[in-house]
Amino acid sequence: MREEHIKINTEYIKLDALLKFAGAADTGGEAKLAIREGEVRVNGEVCTMRGKKLRPGDRAELPGLTLVVE
């Protein structure tokens, strides 16, 4: 499994925006579908809220990829 650290300069980043920013999804629609289908875990739990706010220290996991927000 690959792990990437994503540095943000704001208080938080929304889950769908994180997936697009990190290149895990090419479009917002692709990110929305992956989230809705339950393919994304946030801090170890399945998350179906695309507007979920992730702050430094949070982790988003997709099959084969972990994104760590810094």
N, C-alpha and C. Protein backbone atom coordinates (compact mmCIF):
# COMPACT_ATOMS: atom_id res chain seq x y z
N MET A 1 0.85 -1.19 0.00
CA MET A 1 0.00 0.00 0.00
C MET A 1 0.88 1.24 0.00
N ARG A 2 0.53 2.18 -0.84
CA ARG A 2 1.27 3.43 -0.96
C ARG A 2 0.70 4.46 0.02
N GLU A 3 1.57 5.24 0.63
CA GLU A 3 1.14 6.29 1.55
C GLU A 3 1.67 7.62 1.07
N GLU A 4 0.78 8.61 0.99
CA GLU A 4 1.18 9.96 0.59
C GLU A 4 0.79 10.94 1.68
N HIS A 5 1.65 11.91 1.92
CA HIS A 5 1.38 12.96 2.89
C HIS A 5 0.98 14.21 2.12
N ILE A 6 -0.19 14.75 2.46
CA ILE A 6 -0.74 15.92 1.77
C ILE A 6 -0.73 17.09 2.73
N LYS A 7 0.05 18.11 2.39
CA LYS A 7 0.16 19.31 3.24
C LYS A 7 -0.91 20.30 2.81
N ILE A 8 -1.70 20.77 3.79
CA ILE A 8 -2.71 21.79 3.50
C ILE A 8 -2.34 23.07 4.24
N ASN A 9 -2.76 24.19 3.69
CA ASN A 9 -2.46 25.49 4.30
C ASN A 9 -3.72 26.14 4.87
N THR A 10 -4.76 25.34 5.02
CA THR A 10 -6.02 25.82 5.56
C THR A 10 -6.36 24.98 6.79
N GLU A 11 -7.44 25.34 7.46
CA GLU A 11 -7.84 24.61 8.67
C GLU A 11 -8.26 23.18 8.34
N TYR A 12 -8.91 22.99 7.18
CA TYR A 12 -9.38 21.67 6.79
C TYR A 12 -9.47 21.58 5.27
N ILE A 13 -9.68 20.35 4.79
CA ILE A 13 -9.96 20.11 3.37
C ILE A 13 -11.09 19.10 3.32
N LYS A 14 -12.03 19.30 2.41
CA LYS A 14 -13.14 18.36 2.29
C LYS A 14 -12.66 17.10 1.59
N LEU A 15 -13.28 15.99 1.94
CA LEU A 15 -12.85 14.68 1.45
C LEU A 15 -12.80 14.61 -0.06
N ASP A 16 -13.84 15.07 -0.75
CA ASP A 16 -13.82 14.99 -2.21
C ASP A 16 -12.71 15.84 -2.81
N ALA A 17 -12.46 17.01 -2.21
CA ALA A 17 -11.38 17.88 -2.70
C ALA A 17 -10.01 17.24 -2.45
N LEU A 18 -9.87 16.53 -1.33
CA LEU A 18 -8.61 15.85 -1.04
C LEU A 18 -8.32 14.78 -2.08
N LEU A 19 -9.32 14.01 -2.44
CA LEU A 19 -9.12 12.96 -3.44
C LEU A 19 -8.71 13.54 -4.78
N LYS A 20 -9.32 14.65 -5.17
CA LYS A 20 -8.94 15.31 -6.42
C LYS A 20 -7.54 15.92 -6.32
N PHE A 21 -7.26 16.63 -5.24
CA PHE A 21 -5.97 17.29 -5.05
C PHE A 21 -4.82 16.29 -5.06
N ALA A 22 -5.03 15.14 -4.44
CA ALA A 22 -3.98 14.11 -4.35
C ALA A 22 -3.86 13.29 -5.63
N GLY A 23 -4.80 13.45 -6.55
CA GLY A 23 -4.75 12.69 -7.79
C GLY A 23 -5.37 11.30 -7.67
N ALA A 24 -6.06 11.03 -6.56
CA ALA A 24 -6.71 9.74 -6.38
C ALA A 24 -7.99 9.65 -7.20
N ALA A 25 -8.53 10.80 -7.60
CA ALA A 25 -9.71 10.87 -8.47
C ALA A 25 -9.44 11.94 -9.51
N ASP A 26 -9.78 11.65 -10.75
CA ASP A 26 -9.53 12.62 -11.82
C ASP A 26 -10.56 13.75 -11.83
N THR A 27 -11.78 13.43 -11.42
CA THR A 27 -12.85 14.43 -11.44
C THR A 27 -13.62 14.41 -10.12
N GLY A 28 -14.41 15.43 -9.92
CA GLY A 28 -15.26 15.47 -8.73
C GLY A 28 -16.29 14.35 -8.76
N GLY A 29 -16.78 14.03 -9.96
CA GLY A 29 -17.76 12.94 -10.10
C GLY A 29 -17.15 11.60 -9.73
N GLU A 30 -15.91 11.39 -10.11
CA GLU A 30 -15.22 10.15 -9.77
C GLU A 30 -15.01 10.05 -8.26
N ALA A 31 -14.65 11.16 -7.63
CA ALA A 31 -14.46 11.19 -6.18
C ALA A 31 -15.80 10.92 -5.49
N LYS A 32 -16.86 11.56 -5.96
CA LYS A 32 -18.19 11.38 -5.38
C LYS A 32 -18.62 9.92 -5.45
N LEU A 33 -18.39 9.28 -6.58
CA LEU A 33 -18.78 7.89 -6.76
C LEU A 33 -18.01 6.96 -5.82
N ALA A 34 -16.70 7.16 -5.72
CA ALA A 34 -15.88 6.32 -4.84
C ALA A 34 -16.34 6.46 -3.38
N ILE A 35 -16.65 7.68 -2.99
CA ILE A 35 -17.11 7.93 -1.62
C ILE A 35 -18.48 7.30 -1.40
N ARG A 36 -19.40 7.51 -2.33
CA ARG A 36 -20.76 6.97 -2.20
C ARG A 36 -20.77 5.45 -2.18
N GLU A 37 -19.86 4.83 -2.94
CA GLU A 37 -19.79 3.37 -3.01
C GLU A 37 -19.13 2.75 -1.78
N GLY A 38 -18.65 3.58 -0.84
CA GLY A 38 -18.05 3.06 0.38
C GLY A 38 -16.62 2.60 0.22
N GLU A 39 -15.93 3.08 -0.82
CA GLU A 39 -14.55 2.68 -1.08
C GLU A 39 -13.53 3.47 -0.26
N VAL A 40 -14.00 4.51 0.45
CA VAL A 40 -13.09 5.39 1.16
C VAL A 40 -13.31 5.25 2.67
N ARG A 41 -12.20 5.11 3.38
CA ARG A 41 -12.25 5.08 4.84
C ARG A 41 -11.55 6.32 5.36
N VAL A 42 -12.12 6.94 6.39
CA VAL A 42 -11.50 8.08 7.05
C VAL A 42 -11.21 7.67 8.49
N ASN A 43 -9.95 7.72 8.85
CA ASN A 43 -9.52 7.32 10.19
C ASN A 43 -10.03 5.93 10.55
N GLY A 44 -10.00 5.01 9.57
CA GLY A 44 -10.35 3.62 9.80
C GLY A 44 -11.81 3.25 9.65
N GLU A 45 -12.68 4.23 9.41
CA GLU A 45 -14.11 3.95 9.27
C GLU A 45 -14.61 4.37 7.88
N VAL A 46 -15.48 3.56 7.30
CA VAL A 46 -16.06 3.90 6.00
C VAL A 46 -16.78 5.24 6.12
N CYS A 47 -16.52 6.11 5.17
CA CYS A 47 -17.12 7.45 5.17
C CYS A 47 -17.83 7.66 3.84
N THR A 48 -19.12 7.99 3.89
CA THR A 48 -19.89 8.25 2.68
C THR A 48 -20.27 9.73 2.56
N MET A 49 -19.64 10.58 3.37
CA MET A 49 -19.90 12.02 3.32
C MET A 49 -18.79 12.70 2.52
N ARG A 50 -19.12 13.14 1.31
CA ARG A 50 -18.06 13.75 0.48
C ARG A 50 -17.60 15.09 1.01
N GLY A 51 -18.42 15.75 1.83
CA GLY A 51 -18.05 17.03 2.42
C GLY A 51 -17.38 16.89 3.77
N LYS A 52 -17.02 15.68 4.16
CA LYS A 52 -16.36 15.44 5.45
C LYS A 52 -15.10 16.30 5.53
N LYS A 53 -14.96 17.03 6.64
CA LYS A 53 -13.81 17.92 6.81
C LYS A 53 -12.65 17.13 7.42
N LEU A 54 -11.53 17.13 6.72
CA LEU A 54 -10.32 16.46 7.20
C LEU A 54 -9.33 17.52 7.65
N ARG A 55 -8.78 17.30 8.81
CA ARG A 55 -7.81 18.23 9.39
C ARG A 55 -6.47 17.53 9.52
N PRO A 56 -5.39 18.29 9.75
CA PRO A 56 -4.08 17.65 9.91
C PRO A 56 -4.14 16.52 10.93
N GLY A 57 -3.55 15.39 10.53
CA GLY A 57 -3.55 14.19 11.36
C GLY A 57 -4.57 13.16 10.91
N ASP A 58 -5.55 13.57 10.09
CA ASP A 58 -6.56 12.64 9.60
C ASP A 58 -5.97 11.82 8.45
N ARG A 59 -6.55 10.62 8.27
CA ARG A 59 -6.11 9.71 7.21
C ARG A 59 -7.31 9.29 6.37
N ALA A 60 -7.14 9.31 5.06
CA ALA A 60 -8.16 8.81 4.14
C ALA A 60 -7.53 7.62 3.41
N GLU A 61 -8.25 6.51 3.38
CA GLU A 61 -7.73 5.29 2.76
C GLU A 61 -8.63 4.85 1.62
N LEU A 62 -7.98 4.52 0.51
CA LEU A 62 -8.64 3.93 -0.64
C LEU A 62 -7.89 2.64 -0.92
N PRO A 63 -8.45 1.74 -1.72
CA PRO A 63 -7.71 0.51 -2.03
C PRO A 63 -6.32 0.84 -2.60
N GLY A 64 -5.28 0.43 -1.90
CA GLY A 64 -3.91 0.61 -2.35
C GLY A 64 -3.29 1.97 -2.06
N LEU A 65 -4.01 2.86 -1.40
CA LEU A 65 -3.50 4.21 -1.17
C LEU A 65 -3.99 4.77 0.17
N THR A 66 -3.07 5.35 0.92
CA THR A 66 -3.42 6.06 2.15
C THR A 66 -2.96 7.50 2.00
N LEU A 67 -3.86 8.43 2.27
CA LEU A 67 -3.55 9.86 2.24
C LEU A 67 -3.54 10.38 3.66
N VAL A 68 -2.43 10.98 4.08
CA VAL A 68 -2.30 11.53 5.42
C VAL A 68 -2.28 13.04 5.29
N VAL A 69 -3.22 13.70 5.95
CA VAL A 69 -3.31 15.17 5.90
C VAL A 69 -2.35 15.76 6.91
N GLU A 70 -1.55 16.69 6.45
CA GLU A 70 -0.59 17.38 7.33
C GLU A 70 -0.87 18.86 7.37
